[in-house]
Amino acid sequence: MGNGSRVFAYLRASTADQDATRAKTMLDTFCHEQGASISGYFVENASGATLDRPELMRALSFMQEGDVLLLEQVDRLTRLKSAEWEKLRAIIEGKGIRLCALDLPFTFPVLEKKDSVAEDDFQQRIMAAITGMMLDVLAAVARKDFDDRRRRQKEGIAKAKEQGKYAGRKKDEQKRNQILVLRERGLSYSEIEGLLGCSRRTISKAVRGV
């Protein structure tokens, strides 16, 4: 990439039990194939339906004009309602940050080196217009998907309650027992995370019997 532009990856998972770094290797490989490298990672476990995301805000605050925010998918950035998406988009555009998402091939050129400043400026203006339009559409789709899933979940729970079948979330007893055995053997939380692929929160809940 030319003109001192840097690439920063934003990785997000919705809950503490999910691995927010799952796509890190994929993003690294993609950048390498594009002849670029990732200068830093911003990782967090938070819902995409809220702007209360410290790592995302830290990334946007740290990044400079011309830098690229790399995403696995657009829904990693937003599942926001329309008004909140407009606020987030205004921050991104106001700082001159460019977006690249693996599910949007037309954003890949932001990682390419340009032959001339004129070509770079011309293509950037075209890409900014196209990206802005497509992001609005995909942000709306991501929000609709979020709302639909929540609605179906509520409907399913309500139906199960009517039939007397709903008992809340089932605990993974096998995983819980594995955690307890490993703790009894003196393994640390980090060691258990590595062996079982579960989160620190899951380990803590198992140890506390929650």
Foldseek 3Di string as FASTA:
>chain_A
DDPPAAEEEEFEAAALFDDRCVCVVVVQVVLVVQVHGHPYYQTDHHQQQDPPDVSVVVVLVPHAALYEYEYQALVRNHLYDPVVVVVVVCSCVVRNYAYDYPVDVLSSCSSHDDPDPVVVVVVVVVSVVVVVVVSSVVSPVSNVVVVVVVVVVVVVQVVCVVVVNDDDDDDPVVLLVVLVVVVVVPDDLVVSCVVVVTGSVSSVCSVVVD
